[in-house]
Amino acid sequence: MIVLAGCSDPAPRPVTFGGDRPVDLHIPDGFDDAKTYPLVVVLHGYSVNGFIQQAYLGAKQLADSGEAFLIWPDGLYDSKNRPYWNADPACCDFDGANPDDVGYLSDLIDDVVASWPIDRDAVFVVGHANGGYMAYRMACERADAIAGVVVIAGAAGMDPAACQPTQPVSVLHMHGTADVEFAYDGGGPFGMAPGSPGAIESATRWAGYDGCSTTRTPTGEPLDLDSVVAGAETTREQFACDAPTGVELWTMTGTEHLPGMTSTFVPIVWPWLLDHRR
């Protein structure tokens, strides 16, 4: 449910954005107009919609707990009636329709930031699979507007020359070693794009874009983020960056394309993002 804060104002602010692709903005519980808040954009994977994606991740708790504004837009539907993002030749505009999803998402972010008290140094994008590809593309093309991205089972795109971010963007890349759709070691969706980078290459590229060391070092204790895999399957590695920028690779050993994400995902990932606000 959308909470309309300050509805006694003479000029109420919009809560629906996106024009002919409308999406509702979810307002932090207990909204205080005197404060600024982070904005989190959740991007779905191929064939699922934004609502399903945020529910899978448990992202709405950020708005429900008063932490952040939240928005989960939908991509266009392809000829198989499956929503997708036009993120990269590897994924997932299989019909060649070439919609301007960068423009659409950029307008969403810019309009929300212009209408509500958003902390411009704390705009984050979280994407799974096709949404992860799209998160990386947004970081490439709208580094001015995005402080950090979390990518789950996605990739940084096939052509590194196509990415020229104007400033550093923090990256947390999470990927399962048993992913057969977007392979941990590289290869595109369903084996269709062998030139697509794997998890290590994707994270290392971003370390380079951000001016970080391209050498990974272990950090923290292993985490249990996948309820399907026994034990603490997720090991973490970081690249040395100048604060507040951070680039990390979290390897989920034995995890498939769709992790059985535990309820600890948001409580663990959210502080990481806040630590890397610009």
Protein backbone atom coordinates (compact mmCIF):
# COMPACT_ATOMS: atom_id res chain seq x y z
CA MET A 1 0.00 0.00 0.00
CA ILE A 2 1.23 3.49 -0.79
CA VAL A 3 1.32 5.91 2.09
CA LEU A 4 0.59 9.48 1.07
CA ALA A 5 2.57 11.67 3.42
CA GLY A 6 1.77 15.32 3.87
CA CYS A 7 -1.55 15.03 2.03
CA SER A 8 -2.65 18.36 3.55
CA ASP A 9 -0.03 20.16 1.44
CA PRO A 10 -1.53 22.54 -1.10
CA ALA A 11 0.47 20.83 -3.85
CA PRO A 12 0.72 17.09 -3.13
CA ARG A 13 3.72 15.40 -4.71
CA PRO A 14 3.31 12.59 -7.24
CA VAL A 15 3.55 8.97 -6.16
CA THR A 16 3.17 7.48 -9.64
CA PHE A 17 5.89 7.95 -12.24
CA GLY A 18 6.84 6.55 -15.63
CA GLY A 19 4.26 7.97 -18.04
CA ASP A 20 2.82 5.19 -20.21
CA ARG A 21 4.79 2.66 -18.13
CA PRO A 22 3.54 3.74 -14.71
CA VAL A 23 5.10 2.58 -11.47
CA ASP A 24 4.26 3.54 -7.89
CA LEU A 25 6.77 4.99 -5.48
CA HIS A 26 6.70 3.42 -2.02
CA ILE A 27 7.13 5.97 0.74
CA PRO A 28 9.12 5.23 3.92
CA ASP A 29 6.88 4.50 6.87
CA GLY A 30 6.84 7.49 9.22
CA PHE A 31 8.04 9.75 6.42
CA ASP A 32 9.58 12.99 7.70
CA ASP A 33 9.74 15.80 5.16
CA ALA A 34 12.64 17.37 7.05
CA LYS A 35 14.89 14.39 6.30
CA THR A 36 16.45 13.01 3.14
CA TYR A 37 16.21 9.31 2.32
CA PRO A 38 17.95 6.79 0.09
CA LEU A 39 16.18 5.59 -3.06
CA VAL A 40 16.32 1.92 -4.06
CA VAL A 41 15.36 0.78 -7.56
CA VAL A 42 14.69 -2.99 -7.90
CA LEU A 43 15.09 -4.44 -11.40
CA HIS A 44 13.52 -7.79 -12.18
CA GLY A 45 14.95 -10.71 -14.11
CA TYR A 46 13.71 -11.89 -17.47
CA SER A 47 10.12 -13.23 -17.44
CA VAL A 48 9.21 -11.97 -13.95
CA ASN A 49 7.85 -8.57 -12.97
CA GLY A 50 8.98 -5.97 -10.47
CA PHE A 51 6.52 -6.97 -7.77
CA ILE A 52 7.66 -10.60 -7.85
CA GLN A 53 11.31 -9.54 -7.79
CA GLN A 54 10.99 -7.25 -4.78
CA ALA A 55 8.93 -9.87 -2.93
CA TYR A 56 11.60 -12.49 -3.62
CA LEU A 57 14.30 -10.22 -2.21
CA GLY A 58 12.18 -8.85 0.64
CA ALA A 59 13.04 -5.34 -0.51
CA LYS A 60 9.79 -3.69 0.59
CA GLN A 61 10.89 -3.94 4.21
CA LEU A 62 13.15 -0.95 3.51
CA ALA A 63 10.09 1.25 2.98
CA ASP A 64 8.07 -0.48 5.70
CA SER A 65 10.83 0.16 8.24
CA GLY A 66 11.23 3.81 7.23
CA GLU A 67 14.69 3.31 5.77
CA ALA A 68 14.24 4.26 2.12
CA PHE A 69 12.02 5.12 -0.81
CA LEU A 70 11.50 2.11 -3.05
CA ILE A 71 10.44 1.60 -6.65
CA TRP A 72 10.19 -1.60 -8.69
CA PRO A 73 9.45 -0.84 -12.36
CA ASP A 74 8.57 -3.34 -15.09
CA GLY A 75 10.31 -3.80 -18.40
CA LEU A 76 8.35 -4.10 -21.63
CA TYR A 77 6.79 -7.43 -22.63
CA ASP A 78 8.29 -9.33 -25.55
CA SER A 79 6.60 -11.53 -28.16
CA LYS A 80 6.48 -14.40 -25.65
CA ASN A 81 4.69 -12.11 -23.17
CA ARG A 82 7.71 -12.01 -20.89
CA PRO A 83 8.94 -8.75 -19.31
CA TYR A 84 12.55 -7.86 -20.07
CA TRP A 85 15.13 -5.10 -19.98
CA ASN A 86 17.11 -4.02 -23.03
CA ALA A 87 20.37 -4.21 -21.13
CA ASP A 88 22.98 -5.73 -23.42
CA PRO A 89 23.23 -7.76 -26.66
CA ALA A 90 23.51 -10.80 -24.39
CA CYS A 91 20.25 -10.16 -22.55
CA CYS A 92 17.39 -9.89 -23.04
CA ASP A 93 15.90 -8.03 -26.02
CA PHE A 94 15.50 -11.23 -28.01
CA ASP A 95 13.03 -9.63 -30.45
CA GLY A 96 15.39 -6.78 -31.35
CA ALA A 97 12.83 -4.13 -30.37
CA ASN A 98 15.57 -1.92 -28.88
CA PRO A 99 13.53 0.08 -26.34
CA ASP A 100 15.30 2.93 -24.55
CA ASP A 101 15.25 1.42 -21.08
CA VAL A 102 18.18 3.57 -19.96
CA GLY A 103 16.10 6.63 -20.79
CA TYR A 104 13.01 5.22 -19.08
CA LEU A 105 14.82 4.34 -15.85
CA SER A 106 16.81 7.57 -15.90
CA ASP A 107 13.60 9.59 -16.13
CA LEU A 108 12.10 7.60 -13.24
CA ILE A 109 15.09 8.28 -11.01
CA ASP A 110 15.37 11.93 -11.99
CA ASP A 111 11.65 12.56 -11.50
CA VAL A 112 11.55 10.89 -8.08
CA VAL A 113 14.65 12.79 -6.95
CA ALA A 114 13.11 16.06 -8.15
CA SER A 115 9.79 15.40 -6.38
CA TRP A 116 10.79 13.92 -3.01
CA PRO A 117 13.59 14.51 -0.46
CA ILE A 118 16.01 11.91 -1.82
CA ASP A 119 19.63 11.75 -0.74
CA ARG A 120 21.31 12.12 -4.14
CA ASP A 121 24.38 10.36 -2.75
CA ALA A 122 22.33 7.29 -1.83
CA VAL A 123 20.52 6.17 -4.99
CA PHE A 124 20.99 2.43 -5.42
CA VAL A 125 19.96 -0.15 -8.04
CA VAL A 126 19.48 -3.84 -7.20
CA GLY A 127 18.97 -6.30 -10.05
CA HIS A 128 18.76 -10.04 -10.62
CA ALA A 129 19.87 -11.71 -13.87
CA ASN A 130 18.55 -9.54 -16.74
CA GLY A 131 17.96 -6.88 -14.07
CA GLY A 132 21.59 -7.29 -13.03
CA TYR A 133 22.74 -6.64 -16.59
CA MET A 134 20.50 -3.56 -16.57
CA ALA A 135 21.91 -2.37 -13.24
CA TYR A 136 25.40 -2.52 -14.73
CA ARG A 137 24.26 -0.61 -17.83
CA MET A 138 22.69 2.08 -15.67
CA ALA A 139 25.96 2.35 -13.71
CA CYS A 140 27.82 2.77 -17.01
CA GLU A 141 25.52 5.41 -18.46
CA ARG A 142 24.13 7.16 -15.34
CA ALA A 143 27.06 7.08 -12.94
CA ASP A 144 26.15 10.67 -12.13
CA ALA A 145 22.85 9.53 -10.62
CA ILE A 146 23.68 6.16 -9.04
CA ALA A 147 25.93 5.61 -6.05
CA GLY A 148 25.93 1.82 -6.06
CA VAL A 149 24.51 -1.36 -7.56
CA VAL A 150 23.90 -4.87 -6.31
CA VAL A 151 23.97 -7.47 -9.08
CA ILE A 152 22.76 -11.02 -8.49
CA ALA A 153 23.51 -13.59 -11.22
CA GLY A 154 24.06 -10.93 -13.89
CA ALA A 155 27.05 -9.71 -15.88
CA ALA A 156 28.80 -6.49 -16.79
CA GLY A 157 28.02 -6.77 -20.52
CA MET A 158 29.81 -8.15 -23.53
CA ASP A 159 31.65 -5.02 -24.71
CA PRO A 160 33.82 -3.29 -22.07
CA ALA A 161 34.41 -0.36 -24.45
CA ALA A 162 30.67 0.41 -24.26
CA CYS A 163 31.00 1.34 -20.58
CA GLN A 164 32.54 4.70 -19.74
CA PRO A 165 31.21 5.80 -16.34
CA THR A 166 31.73 9.46 -15.54
CA GLN A 167 32.53 8.72 -11.88
CA PRO A 168 32.95 5.71 -9.58
CA VAL A 169 29.94 3.52 -8.77
CA SER A 170 30.14 0.97 -5.95
CA VAL A 171 29.43 -2.60 -7.02
CA LEU A 172 28.44 -5.70 -5.07
CA HIS A 173 28.34 -8.70 -7.43
CA MET A 174 26.75 -11.90 -6.09
CA HIS A 175 26.85 -15.08 -8.17
CA GLY A 176 26.29 -18.80 -7.70
CA THR A 177 28.87 -21.28 -8.96
CA ALA A 178 26.11 -23.69 -10.06
CA ASP A 179 24.33 -21.11 -12.24
CA VAL A 180 23.75 -22.75 -15.66
CA GLU A 181 21.90 -19.79 -17.20
CA PHE A 182 24.42 -16.99 -16.54
CA ALA A 183 27.50 -19.05 -15.80
CA TYR A 184 29.78 -17.98 -12.99
CA ASP A 185 32.78 -18.40 -15.30
CA GLY A 186 31.14 -16.61 -18.26
CA GLY A 187 28.64 -17.23 -21.02
CA GLY A 188 25.31 -15.64 -21.65
CA PRO A 189 21.71 -16.61 -21.02
CA PHE A 190 21.02 -20.25 -21.78
CA GLY A 191 24.45 -20.53 -23.43
CA MET A 192 23.44 -18.09 -26.18
CA ALA A 193 26.14 -15.46 -25.66
CA PRO A 194 29.55 -17.01 -24.98
CA GLY A 195 31.22 -13.60 -25.01
CA SER A 196 29.41 -12.45 -21.88
CA PRO A 197 31.79 -12.10 -18.91
CA GLY A 198 31.64 -14.19 -15.79
CA ALA A 199 31.41 -13.01 -12.21
CA ILE A 200 35.13 -12.51 -11.64
CA GLU A 201 35.59 -10.62 -14.90
CA SER A 202 32.53 -8.46 -14.27
CA ALA A 203 33.67 -7.41 -10.80
CA THR A 204 37.27 -6.93 -11.93
CA ARG A 205 36.17 -4.70 -14.79
CA TRP A 206 34.31 -2.47 -12.37
CA ALA A 207 37.27 -2.32 -10.06
CA GLY A 208 39.18 -0.97 -13.05
CA TYR A 209 36.46 1.52 -13.98
CA ASP A 210 36.39 2.75 -10.39
CA GLY A 211 40.16 3.18 -10.12
CA CYS A 212 40.48 0.35 -7.57
CA SER A 213 43.09 -2.35 -7.33
CA THR A 214 42.19 -5.31 -9.55
CA THR A 215 43.48 -7.78 -6.97
CA ARG A 216 40.88 -9.47 -4.78
CA THR A 217 41.38 -10.11 -1.08
CA PRO A 218 39.08 -12.08 1.26
CA THR A 219 36.92 -10.05 3.63
CA GLY A 220 34.60 -11.03 6.47
CA GLU A 221 33.25 -14.41 7.48
CA PRO A 222 31.27 -16.64 5.07
CA LEU A 223 27.54 -15.93 4.97
CA ASP A 224 24.47 -18.16 4.74
CA LEU A 225 22.32 -16.44 2.12
CA ASP A 226 20.96 -19.47 0.24
CA SER A 227 18.54 -21.64 2.19
CA VAL A 228 18.85 -24.42 -0.43
CA VAL A 229 22.60 -24.87 0.07
CA ALA A 230 23.76 -26.21 3.43
CA GLY A 231 25.98 -24.03 5.56
CA ALA A 232 27.56 -20.65 4.92
CA GLU A 233 27.97 -20.87 1.16
CA THR A 234 28.83 -17.23 0.40
CA THR A 235 32.45 -16.12 0.57
CA ARG A 236 33.36 -12.47 0.13
CA GLU A 237 36.26 -10.79 -1.65
CA GLN A 238 36.96 -7.09 -2.03
CA PHE A 239 39.04 -4.87 -4.25
CA ALA A 240 41.00 -2.05 -2.59
CA CYS A 241 39.25 1.23 -3.48
CA ASP A 242 39.36 4.79 -2.29
CA ALA A 243 36.50 5.40 0.15
CA PRO A 244 33.59 5.62 -0.13
CA THR A 245 33.72 3.51 -3.30
CA GLY A 246 33.60 -0.24 -2.84
CA VAL A 247 33.72 -3.21 -5.22
CA GLU A 248 33.13 -6.72 -3.88
CA LEU A 249 32.53 -10.18 -5.31
CA TRP A 250 30.44 -12.56 -3.23
CA THR A 251 30.78 -16.12 -4.50
CA MET A 252 27.86 -18.41 -3.61
CA THR A 253 29.31 -21.92 -3.81
CA GLY A 254 26.75 -24.46 -5.01
CA THR A 255 24.06 -21.83 -5.59
CA GLU A 256 22.00 -21.94 -8.79
CA HIS A 257 20.65 -19.10 -10.94
CA LEU A 258 17.85 -18.31 -8.49
CA PRO A 259 19.22 -18.51 -4.96
CA GLY A 260 16.92 -19.63 -2.19
CA MET A 261 17.47 -16.20 -0.68
CA THR A 262 17.16 -16.14 3.10
CA SER A 263 15.57 -13.36 5.13
CA THR A 264 19.08 -12.14 5.96
CA PHE A 265 19.61 -10.75 2.44
CA VAL A 266 18.32 -7.23 3.11
CA PRO A 267 19.77 -6.90 6.65
CA ILE A 268 23.21 -7.85 5.28
CA VAL A 269 23.21 -6.04 1.94
CA TRP A 270 21.54 -2.81 3.07
CA PRO A 271 24.36 -1.76 5.47
CA TRP A 272 26.85 -2.48 2.68
CA LEU A 273 25.05 -0.04 0.41
CA LEU A 274 24.80 2.62 3.10
CA ASP A 275 28.51 2.27 3.81
CA HIS A 276 29.11 3.12 0.14
CA ARG A 277 26.84 6.10 -0.30
CA ARG A 278 28.69 8.65 -2.38
